[in-house]
Amino acid sequence: LLWQFEEAGIVAAVIGRIREDQDRIVTNGEEKR
């Protein structure tokens, strides 16, 4: 999908993934909230 967006001139990034549990987490190095 990133390649398709790049072809269309759209800025995009893979920023994470879906988890098996219900936790919604943001990490910053070793820090997690």
Full PDB file with SEQRES, HELIX, SHEET, SSBOND, CRYST1, ORIGX, SCALE, CONECT and MASTER records, all heavy atoms in Angstrom:
SEQRES   1 A   33  LEU LEU TRP GLN PHE GLU GLU ALA GLY ILE VAL ALA ALA          
SEQRES   2 A   33  VAL ILE GLY ARG ILE ARG GLU ASP GLN ASP ARG ILE VAL          
SEQRES   3 A   33  THR ASN GLY GLU GLU LYS ARG                                  
HELIX    1 AA1 LEU A    2  GLU A    7  1                                   6    
SHEET    1 AA1 2 THR A  27  ASN A  28  0                                        
SHEET    2 AA1 2 GLU A  31  LYS A  32 -1                                        
CRYST1    1.000    1.000    1.000  90.00  90.00  90.00 P 1           1          
ORIGX1      1.000000  0.000000  0.000000        0.00000                         
ORIGX2      0.000000  1.000000  0.000000        0.00000                         
ORIGX3      0.000000  0.000000  1.000000        0.00000                         
SCALE1      1.000000  0.000000  0.000000        0.00000                         
SCALE2      0.000000  1.000000  0.000000        0.00000                         
SCALE3      0.000000  0.000000  1.000000        0.00000                         
ATOM      1  N   LEU A   1       0.826  -1.204   0.000  1.00  0.00           N  
ATOM      2  CA  LEU A   1       0.000   0.000   0.000  1.00  0.00           C  
ATOM      3  C   LEU A   1       0.862   1.256   0.000  1.00  0.00           C  
ATOM      4  O   LEU A   1       0.532   2.237  -0.683  1.00  0.00           O  
ATOM      5  CB  LEU A   1      -0.931  -0.010   1.214  1.00  0.00           C  
ATOM      6  CG  LEU A   1      -1.962   1.120   1.301  1.00  0.00           C  
ATOM      7  CD1 LEU A   1      -2.825   1.175   0.048  1.00  0.00           C  
ATOM      8  CD2 LEU A   1      -2.833   0.957   2.550  1.00  0.00           C  
ATOM      9  N   LEU A   2       1.977   1.238   0.730  1.00  0.00           N  
ATOM     10  CA  LEU A   2       2.891   2.392   0.723  1.00  0.00           C  
ATOM     11  C   LEU A   2       3.420   2.647  -0.675  1.00  0.00           C  
ATOM     12  O   LEU A   2       3.556   3.800  -1.105  1.00  0.00           O  
ATOM     13  CB  LEU A   2       4.053   2.156   1.688  1.00  0.00           C  
ATOM     14  CG  LEU A   2       3.777   2.176   3.183  1.00  0.00           C  
ATOM     15  CD1 LEU A   2       5.080   2.157   3.962  1.00  0.00           C  
ATOM     16  CD2 LEU A   2       2.931   3.370   3.586  1.00  0.00           C  
ATOM     17  N   TRP A   3       3.724   1.585  -1.398  1.00  0.00           N  
ATOM     18  CA  TRP A   3       4.219   1.746  -2.778  1.00  0.00           C  
ATOM     19  C   TRP A   3       3.141   2.376  -3.648  1.00  0.00           C  
ATOM     20  O   TRP A   3       3.430   3.274  -4.460  1.00  0.00           O  
ATOM     21  CB  TRP A   3       4.617   0.379  -3.337  1.00  0.00           C  
ATOM     22  CG  TRP A   3       5.085   0.445  -4.759  1.00  0.00           C  
ATOM     23  CD1 TRP A   3       6.322   0.791  -5.211  1.00  0.00           C  
ATOM     24  CD2 TRP A   3       4.297   0.189  -5.929  1.00  0.00           C  
ATOM     25  NE1 TRP A   3       6.369   0.765  -6.584  1.00  0.00           N  
ATOM     26  CE2 TRP A   3       5.132   0.391  -7.053  1.00  0.00           C  
ATOM     27  CE3 TRP A   3       2.972  -0.212  -6.132  1.00  0.00           C  
ATOM     28  CZ2 TRP A   3       4.672   0.216  -8.354  1.00  0.00           C  
ATOM     29  CZ3 TRP A   3       2.514  -0.377  -7.425  1.00  0.00           C  
ATOM     30  CH2 TRP A   3       3.356  -0.174  -8.527  1.00  0.00           C  
ATOM     31  N   GLN A   4       1.890   1.955  -3.471  1.00  0.00           N  
ATOM     32  CA  GLN A   4       0.794   2.530  -4.256  1.00  0.00           C  
ATOM     33  C   GLN A   4       0.599   4.006  -3.918  1.00  0.00           C  
ATOM     34  O   GLN A   4       0.354   4.827  -4.811  1.00  0.00           O  
ATOM     35  CB  GLN A   4      -0.501   1.743  -3.991  1.00  0.00           C  
ATOM     36  CG  GLN A   4      -0.493   0.347  -4.554  1.00  0.00           C  
ATOM     37  CD  GLN A   4      -1.749  -0.426  -4.185  1.00  0.00           C  
ATOM     38  OE1 GLN A   4      -1.983  -0.752  -3.018  1.00  0.00           O  
ATOM     39  NE2 GLN A   4      -2.570  -0.711  -5.177  1.00  0.00           N  
ATOM     40  N   PHE A   5       0.709   4.353  -2.649  1.00  0.00           N  
ATOM     41  CA  PHE A   5       0.584   5.754  -2.247  1.00  0.00           C  
ATOM     42  C   PHE A   5       1.738   6.586  -2.814  1.00  0.00           C  
ATOM     43  O   PHE A   5       1.544   7.720  -3.258  1.00  0.00           O  
ATOM     44  CB  PHE A   5       0.547   5.877  -0.720  1.00  0.00           C  
ATOM     45  CG  PHE A   5      -0.782   5.534  -0.108  1.00  0.00           C  
ATOM     46  CD1 PHE A   5      -0.852   4.983   1.158  1.00  0.00           C  
ATOM     47  CD2 PHE A   5      -1.962   5.770  -0.786  1.00  0.00           C  
ATOM     48  CE1 PHE A   5      -2.073   4.673   1.739  1.00  0.00           C  
ATOM     49  CE2 PHE A   5      -3.198   5.469  -0.223  1.00  0.00           C  
ATOM     50  CZ  PHE A   5      -3.250   4.910   1.046  1.00  0.00           C  
ATOM     51  N   GLU A   6       2.934   6.031  -2.788  1.00  0.00           N  
ATOM     52  CA  GLU A   6       4.091   6.750  -3.330  1.00  0.00           C  
ATOM     53  C   GLU A   6       3.901   7.033  -4.817  1.00  0.00           C  
ATOM     54  O   GLU A   6       4.220   8.121  -5.295  1.00  0.00           O  
ATOM     55  CB  GLU A   6       5.366   5.930  -3.109  1.00  0.00           C  
ATOM     56  CG  GLU A   6       6.638   6.663  -3.533  1.00  0.00           C  
ATOM     57  CD  GLU A   6       7.894   5.857  -3.257  1.00  0.00           C  
ATOM     58  OE1 GLU A   6       7.800   4.770  -2.637  1.00  0.00           O  
ATOM     59  OE2 GLU A   6       8.985   6.320  -3.664  1.00  0.00           O  
ATOM     60  N   GLU A   7       3.365   6.052  -5.543  1.00  0.00           N  
ATOM     61  CA  GLU A   7       3.083   6.238  -6.971  1.00  0.00           C  
ATOM     62  C   GLU A   7       2.085   7.374  -7.195  1.00  0.00           C  
ATOM     63  O   GLU A   7       2.141   8.069  -8.213  1.00  0.00           O  
ATOM     64  CB  GLU A   7       2.536   4.946  -7.565  1.00  0.00           C  
ATOM     65  CG  GLU A   7       3.562   3.838  -7.715  1.00  0.00           C  
ATOM     66  CD  GLU A   7       4.517   4.090  -8.871  1.00  0.00           C  
ATOM     67  OE1 GLU A   7       4.041   4.144 -10.017  1.00  0.00           O  
ATOM     68  OE2 GLU A   7       5.726   4.260  -8.623  1.00  0.00           O  
ATOM     69  N   ALA A   8       1.164   7.560  -6.238  1.00  0.00           N  
ATOM     70  CA  ALA A   8       0.139   8.592  -6.358  1.00  0.00           C  
ATOM     71  C   ALA A   8       0.569   9.917  -5.729  1.00  0.00           C  
ATOM     72  O   ALA A   8      -0.217  10.874  -5.717  1.00  0.00           O  
ATOM     73  CB  ALA A   8      -1.153   8.111  -5.714  1.00  0.00           C  
ATOM     74  N   GLY A   9       1.784   9.981  -5.183  1.00  0.00           N  
ATOM     75  CA  GLY A   9       2.277  11.202  -4.566  1.00  0.00           C  
ATOM     76  C   GLY A   9       1.676  11.492  -3.201  1.00  0.00           C  
ATOM     77  O   GLY A   9       1.581  12.652  -2.786  1.00  0.00           O  
ATOM     78  N   ILE A  10       1.264  10.438  -2.480  1.00  0.00           N  
ATOM     79  CA  ILE A  10       0.639  10.588  -1.162  1.00  0.00           C  
ATOM     80  C   ILE A  10       1.626  10.161  -0.072  1.00  0.00           C  
ATOM     81  O   ILE A  10       2.171   9.062  -0.116  1.00  0.00           O  
ATOM     82  CB  ILE A  10      -0.643   9.734  -1.060  1.00  0.00           C  
ATOM     83  CG1 ILE A  10      -1.676  10.230  -2.085  1.00  0.00           C  
ATOM     84  CG2 ILE A  10      -1.230   9.773   0.346  1.00  0.00           C  
ATOM     85  CD1 ILE A  10      -2.850   9.292  -2.270  1.00  0.00           C  
ATOM     86  N   VAL A  11       1.862  11.040   0.897  1.00  0.00           N  
ATOM     87  CA  VAL A  11       2.748  10.731   2.018  1.00  0.00           C  
ATOM     88  C   VAL A  11       2.071   9.714   2.931  1.00  0.00           C  
ATOM     89  O   VAL A  11       0.906   9.871   3.310  1.00  0.00           O  
ATOM     90  CB  VAL A  11       3.073  12.007   2.820  1.00  0.00           C  
ATOM     91  CG1 VAL A  11       3.862  11.669   4.079  1.00  0.00           C  
ATOM     92  CG2 VAL A  11       3.840  12.990   1.951  1.00  0.00           C  
ATOM     93  N   ALA A  12       2.773   8.633   3.281  1.00  0.00           N  
ATOM     94  CA  ALA A  12       2.194   7.602   4.143  1.00  0.00           C  
ATOM     95  C   ALA A  12       3.305   6.832   4.842  1.00  0.00           C  
ATOM     96  O   ALA A  12       4.463   6.839   4.398  1.00  0.00           O  
ATOM     97  CB  ALA A  12       1.317   6.653   3.337  1.00  0.00           C  
ATOM     98  N   ALA A  13       2.951   6.139   5.925  1.00  0.00           N  
ATOM     99  CA  ALA A  13       3.909   5.327   6.680  1.00  0.00           C  
ATOM    100  C   ALA A  13       3.172   4.222   7.413  1.00  0.00           C  
ATOM    101  O   ALA A  13       2.004   4.384   7.796  1.00  0.00           O  
ATOM    102  CB  ALA A  13       4.682   6.192   7.679  1.00  0.00           C  
ATOM    103  N   VAL A  14       3.849   3.086   7.603  1.00  0.00           N  
ATOM    104  CA  VAL A  14       3.336   2.039   8.490  1.00  0.00           C  
ATOM    105  C   VAL A  14       3.745   2.430   9.907  1.00  0.00           C  
ATOM    106  O   VAL A  14       4.936   2.551  10.198  1.00  0.00           O  
ATOM    107  CB  VAL A  14       3.907   0.650   8.128  1.00  0.00           C  
ATOM    108  CG1 VAL A  14       3.442  -0.392   9.143  1.00  0.00           C  
ATOM    109  CG2 VAL A  14       3.482   0.251   6.717  1.00  0.00           C  
ATOM    110  N   ILE A  15       2.770   2.650  10.788  1.00  0.00           N  
ATOM    111  CA  ILE A  15       3.076   3.167  12.119  1.00  0.00           C  
ATOM    112  C   ILE A  15       2.851   2.137  13.225  1.00  0.00           C  
ATOM    113  O   ILE A  15       3.190   2.390  14.376  1.00  0.00           O  
ATOM    114  CB  ILE A  15       2.265   4.439  12.426  1.00  0.00           C  
ATOM    115  CG1 ILE A  15       0.760   4.137  12.451  1.00  0.00           C  
ATOM    116  CG2 ILE A  15       2.586   5.535  11.435  1.00  0.00           C  
ATOM    117  CD1 ILE A  15      -0.080   5.294  12.968  1.00  0.00           C  
ATOM    118  N   GLY A  16       2.263   0.987  12.899  1.00  0.00           N  
ATOM    119  CA  GLY A  16       1.998   0.004  13.936  1.00  0.00           C  
ATOM    120  C   GLY A  16       1.273  -1.209  13.403  1.00  0.00           C  
ATOM    121  O   GLY A  16       1.277  -1.483  12.193  1.00  0.00           O  
ATOM    122  N   ARG A  17       0.604  -1.906  14.316  1.00  0.00           N  
ATOM    123  CA  ARG A  17      -0.073  -3.149  13.945  1.00  0.00           C  
ATOM    124  C   ARG A  17      -1.258  -3.394  14.872  1.00  0.00           C  
ATOM    125  O   ARG A  17      -1.365  -2.780  15.941  1.00  0.00           O  
ATOM    126  CB  ARG A  17       0.902  -4.326  14.066  1.00  0.00           C  
ATOM    127  CG  ARG A  17       1.410  -4.548  15.477  1.00  0.00           C  
ATOM    128  CD  ARG A  17       2.381  -5.703  15.591  1.00  0.00           C  
ATOM    129  NE  ARG A  17       2.883  -5.845  16.958  1.00  0.00           N  
ATOM    130  CZ  ARG A  17       2.265  -6.528  17.909  1.00  0.00           C  
ATOM    131  NH1 ARG A  17       1.114  -7.130  17.635  1.00  0.00           N  
ATOM    132  NH2 ARG A  17       2.778  -6.620  19.128  1.00  0.00           N  
ATOM    133  N   ILE A  18      -2.127  -4.297  14.452  1.00  0.00           N  
ATOM    134  CA  ILE A  18      -3.250  -4.727  15.280  1.00  0.00           C  
ATOM    135  C   ILE A  18      -2.761  -5.807  16.250  1.00  0.00           C  
ATOM    136  O   ILE A  18      -2.034  -6.712  15.864  1.00  0.00           O  
ATOM    137  CB  ILE A  18      -4.397  -5.274  14.407  1.00  0.00           C  
ATOM    138  CG1 ILE A  18      -4.911  -4.183  13.460  1.00  0.00           C  
ATOM    139  CG2 ILE A  18      -5.528  -5.818  15.271  1.00  0.00           C  
ATOM    140  CD1 ILE A  18      -5.552  -3.006  14.152  1.00  0.00           C  
ATOM    141  N   ARG A  19      -3.179  -5.701  17.528  1.00  0.00           N  
ATOM    142  CA  ARG A  19      -2.754  -6.642  18.562  1.00  0.00           C  
ATOM    143  C   ARG A  19      -3.789  -7.755  18.756  1.00  0.00           C  
ATOM    144  O   ARG A  19      -4.947  -7.638  18.338  1.00  0.00           O  
ATOM    145  CB  ARG A  19      -2.573  -5.906  19.894  1.00  0.00           C  
ATOM    146  CG  ARG A  19      -1.379  -4.964  19.919  1.00  0.00           C  
ATOM    147  CD  ARG A  19      -1.383  -4.141  21.196  1.00  0.00           C  
ATOM    148  NE  ARG A  19      -1.340  -4.963  22.396  1.00  0.00           N  
ATOM    149  CZ  ARG A  19      -0.224  -5.300  23.043  1.00  0.00           C  
ATOM    150  NH1 ARG A  19       0.947  -4.866  22.595  1.00  0.00           N  
ATOM    151  NH2 ARG A  19      -0.263  -6.035  24.134  1.00  0.00           N  
ATOM    152  N   GLU A  20      -3.354  -8.817  19.415  1.00  0.00           N  
ATOM    153  CA  GLU A  20      -4.253  -9.913  19.734  1.00  0.00           C  
ATOM    154  C   GLU A  20      -5.164  -9.571  20.910  1.00  0.00           C  
ATOM    155  O   GLU A  20      -6.274 -10.096  21.010  1.00  0.00           O  
ATOM    156  CB  GLU A  20      -3.451 -11.186  20.048  1.00  0.00           C  
ATOM    157  CG  GLU A  20      -2.727 -11.764  18.835  1.00  0.00           C  
ATOM    158  CD  GLU A  20      -2.083 -13.102  19.138  1.00  0.00           C  
ATOM    159  OE1 GLU A  20      -2.295 -13.610  20.261  1.00  0.00           O  
ATOM    160  OE2 GLU A  20      -1.387 -13.629  18.255  1.00  0.00           O  
ATOM    161  N   ASP A  21      -4.698  -8.698  21.829  1.00  0.00           N  
ATOM    162  CA  ASP A  21      -5.530  -8.302  22.965  1.00  0.00           C  
ATOM    163  C   ASP A  21      -6.218  -6.967  22.658  1.00  0.00           C  
ATOM    164  O   ASP A  21      -6.162  -6.474  21.540  1.00  0.00           O  
ATOM    165  CB  ASP A  21      -4.691  -8.219  24.239  1.00  0.00           C  
ATOM    166  CG  ASP A  21      -3.491  -7.281  24.083  1.00  0.00           C  
ATOM    167  OD1 ASP A  21      -3.595  -6.311  23.310  1.00  0.00           O  
ATOM    168  OD2 ASP A  21      -2.452  -7.527  24.727  1.00  0.00           O  
ATOM    169  N   GLN A  22      -6.849  -6.385  23.664  1.00  0.00           N  
ATOM    170  CA  GLN A  22      -7.596  -5.138  23.478  1.00  0.00           C  
ATOM    171  C   GLN A  22      -6.804  -3.891  23.868  1.00  0.00           C  
ATOM    172  O   GLN A  22      -7.335  -2.779  23.837  1.00  0.00           O  
ATOM    173  CB  GLN A  22      -8.893  -5.190  24.291  1.00  0.00           C  
ATOM    174  CG  GLN A  22      -9.895  -6.230  23.804  1.00  0.00           C  
ATOM    175  CD  GLN A  22     -10.454  -5.894  22.444  1.00  0.00           C  
ATOM    176  OE1 GLN A  22     -10.884  -4.771  22.194  1.00  0.00           O  
ATOM    177  NE2 GLN A  22     -10.442  -6.868  21.542  1.00  0.00           N  
ATOM    178  N   ASP A  23      -5.525  -4.043  24.241  1.00  0.00           N  
ATOM    179  CA  ASP A  23      -4.727  -2.897  24.658  1.00  0.00           C  
ATOM    180  C   ASP A  23      -4.439  -1.986  23.471  1.00  0.00           C  
ATOM    181  O   ASP A  23      -4.142  -2.458  22.364  1.00  0.00           O  
ATOM    182  CB  ASP A  23      -3.410  -3.355  25.272  1.00  0.00           C  
ATOM    183  CG  ASP A  23      -3.607  -4.067  26.601  1.00  0.00           C  
ATOM    184  OD1 ASP A  23      -4.690  -3.882  27.206  1.00  0.00           O  
ATOM    185  OD2 ASP A  23      -2.700  -4.807  27.026  1.00  0.00           O  
ATOM    186  N   ARG A  24      -4.484  -0.687  23.706  1.00  0.00           N  
ATOM    187  CA  ARG A  24      -4.158   0.316  22.678  1.00  0.00           C  
ATOM    188  C   ARG A  24      -2.974   1.121  23.189  1.00  0.00           C  
ATOM    189  O   ARG A  24      -3.114   1.967  24.074  1.00  0.00           O  
ATOM    190  CB  ARG A  24      -5.370   1.184  22.391  1.00  0.00           C  
ATOM    191  CG  ARG A  24      -6.471   0.364  21.697  1.00  0.00           C  
ATOM    192  CD  ARG A  24      -7.844   0.874  21.878  1.00  0.00           C  
ATOM    193  NE  ARG A  24      -8.792  -0.188  21.527  1.00  0.00           N  
ATOM    194  CZ  ARG A  24     -10.104  -0.079  21.659  1.00  0.00           C  
ATOM    195  NH1 ARG A  24     -10.630   1.043  22.132  1.00  0.00           N  
ATOM    196  NH2 ARG A  24     -10.896  -1.083  21.332  1.00  0.00           N  
ATOM    197  N   ILE A  25      -1.824   0.847  22.619  1.00  0.00           N  
ATOM    198  CA  ILE A  25      -0.550   1.274  23.191  1.00  0.00           C  
ATOM    199  C   ILE A  25       0.231   2.125  22.201  1.00  0.00           C  
ATOM    200  O   ILE A  25       0.266   1.849  20.995  1.00  0.00           O  
ATOM    201  CB  ILE A  25       0.290   0.046  23.583  1.00  0.00           C  
ATOM    202  CG1 ILE A  25      -0.419  -0.769  24.667  1.00  0.00           C  
ATOM    203  CG2 ILE A  25       1.675   0.451  24.062  1.00  0.00           C  
ATOM    204  CD1 ILE A  25       0.224  -2.104  24.949  1.00  0.00           C  
ATOM    205  N   VAL A  26       0.890   3.159  22.711  1.00  0.00           N  
ATOM    206  CA  VAL A  26       1.864   3.940  21.944  1.00  0.00           C  
ATOM    207  C   VAL A  26       3.211   3.787  22.639  1.00  0.00           C  
ATOM    208  O   VAL A  26       3.323   3.974  23.853  1.00  0.00           O  
ATOM    209  CB  VAL A  26       1.478   5.424  21.870  1.00  0.00           C  
ATOM    210  CG1 VAL A  26       2.550   6.222  21.131  1.00  0.00           C  
ATOM    211  CG2 VAL A  26       0.125   5.600  21.177  1.00  0.00           C  
ATOM    212  N   THR A  27       4.228   3.434  21.874  1.00  0.00           N  
ATOM    213  CA  THR A  27       5.574   3.279  22.425  1.00  0.00           C  
ATOM    214  C   THR A  27       6.485   4.372  21.896  1.00  0.00           C  
ATOM    215  O   THR A  27       6.309   4.879  20.785  1.00  0.00           O  
ATOM    216  CB  THR A  27       6.167   1.905  22.060  1.00  0.00           C  
ATOM    217  OG1 THR A  27       6.298   1.808  20.625  1.00  0.00           O  
ATOM    218  CG2 THR A  27       5.292   0.773  22.559  1.00  0.00           C  
ATOM    219  N   ASN A  28       7.465   4.717  22.712  1.00  0.00           N  
ATOM    220  CA  ASN A  28       8.496   5.685  22.325  1.00  0.00           C  
ATOM    221  C   ASN A  28       9.810   5.169  22.891  1.00  0.00           C  
ATOM    222  O   ASN A  28      10.181   5.486  24.015  1.00  0.00           O  
ATOM    223  CB  ASN A  28       8.167   7.077  22.858  1.00  0.00           C  
ATOM    224  CG  ASN A  28       9.157   8.127  22.381  1.00  0.00           C  
ATOM    225  OD1 ASN A  28       9.910   7.900  21.435  1.00  0.00           O  
ATOM    226  ND2 ASN A  28       9.158   9.274  23.039  1.00  0.00           N  
ATOM    227  N   GLY A  29      10.487   4.319  22.109  1.00  0.00           N  
ATOM    228  CA  GLY A  29      11.658   3.643  22.628  1.00  0.00           C  
ATOM    229  C   GLY A  29      11.237   2.637  23.688  1.00  0.00           C  
ATOM    230  O   GLY A  29      10.391   1.782  23.446  1.00  0.00           O  
ATOM    231  N   GLU A  30      11.807   2.750  24.886  1.00  0.00           N  
ATOM    232  CA  GLU A  30      11.459   1.853  25.979  1.00  0.00           C  
ATOM    233  C   GLU A  30      10.195   2.294  26.721  1.00  0.00           C  
ATOM    234  O   GLU A  30       9.651   1.551  27.531  1.00  0.00           O  
ATOM    235  CB  GLU A  30      12.632   1.772  26.983  1.00  0.00           C  
ATOM    236  CG  GLU A  30      13.899   1.180  26.387  1.00  0.00           C  
ATOM    237  CD  GLU A  30      13.697  -0.251  25.932  1.00  0.00           C  
ATOM    238  OE1 GLU A  30      13.049  -1.030  26.664  1.00  0.00           O  
ATOM    239  OE2 GLU A  30      14.176  -0.602  24.833  1.00  0.00           O  
ATOM    240  N   GLU A  31       9.746   3.508  26.437  1.00  0.00           N  
ATOM    241  CA  GLU A  31       8.581   4.043  27.140  1.00  0.00           C  
ATOM    242  C   GLU A  31       7.285   3.555  26.490  1.00  0.00           C  
ATOM    243  O   GLU A  31       7.181   3.470  25.273  1.00  0.00           O  
ATOM    244  CB  GLU A  31       8.623   5.580  27.118  1.00  0.00           C  
ATOM    245  CG  GLU A  31       7.652   6.242  28.075  1.00  0.00           C  
ATOM    246  CD  GLU A  31       7.812   7.753  28.091  1.00  0.00           C  
ATOM    247  OE1 GLU A  31       8.660   8.261  27.342  1.00  0.00           O  
ATOM    248  OE2 GLU A  31       7.071   8.398  28.852  1.00  0.00           O  
ATOM    249  N   LYS A  32       6.295   3.243  27.305  1.00  0.00           N  
ATOM    250  CA  LYS A  32       5.033   2.726  26.800  1.00  0.00           C  
ATOM    251  C   LYS A  32       3.881   3.327  27.598  1.00  0.00           C  
ATOM    252  O   LYS A  32       3.926   3.383  28.814  1.00  0.00           O  
ATOM    253  CB  LYS A  32       5.012   1.204  26.904  1.00  0.00           C  
ATOM    254  CG  LYS A  32       3.740   0.549  26.405  1.00  0.00           C  
ATOM    255  CD  LYS A  32       3.885  -0.959  26.287  1.00  0.00           C  
ATOM    256  CE  LYS A  32       3.998  -1.626  27.639  1.00  0.00           C  
ATOM    257  NZ  LYS A  32       4.000  -3.116  27.512  1.00  0.00           N  
ATOM    258  N   ARG A  33       2.846   3.786  26.896  1.00  0.00           N  
ATOM    259  CA  ARG A  33       1.658   4.335  27.538  1.00  0.00           C  
ATOM    260  C   ARG A  33       0.406   3.828  26.825  1.00  0.00           C  
ATOM    261  O   ARG A  33       0.440   3.491  25.649  1.00  0.00           O  
ATOM    262  CB  ARG A  33       1.671   5.874  27.492  1.00  0.00           C  
ATOM    263  CG  ARG A  33       2.720   6.518  28.373  1.00  0.00           C  
ATOM    264  CD  ARG A  33       2.390   6.349  29.852  1.00  0.00           C  
ATOM    265  NE  ARG A  33       3.309   7.076  30.696  1.00  0.00           N  
ATOM    266  CZ  ARG A  33       4.471   6.635  31.115  1.00  0.00           C  
ATOM    267  NH1 ARG A  33       4.898   5.432  30.757  1.00  0.00           N  
ATOM    268  NH2 ARG A  33       5.250   7.365  31.884  1.00  0.00           N  
TER     269      ARG A  33                                                      
MASTER        0    0    0    1    2    0    0    6  268    1    0    3          
END                                                                             
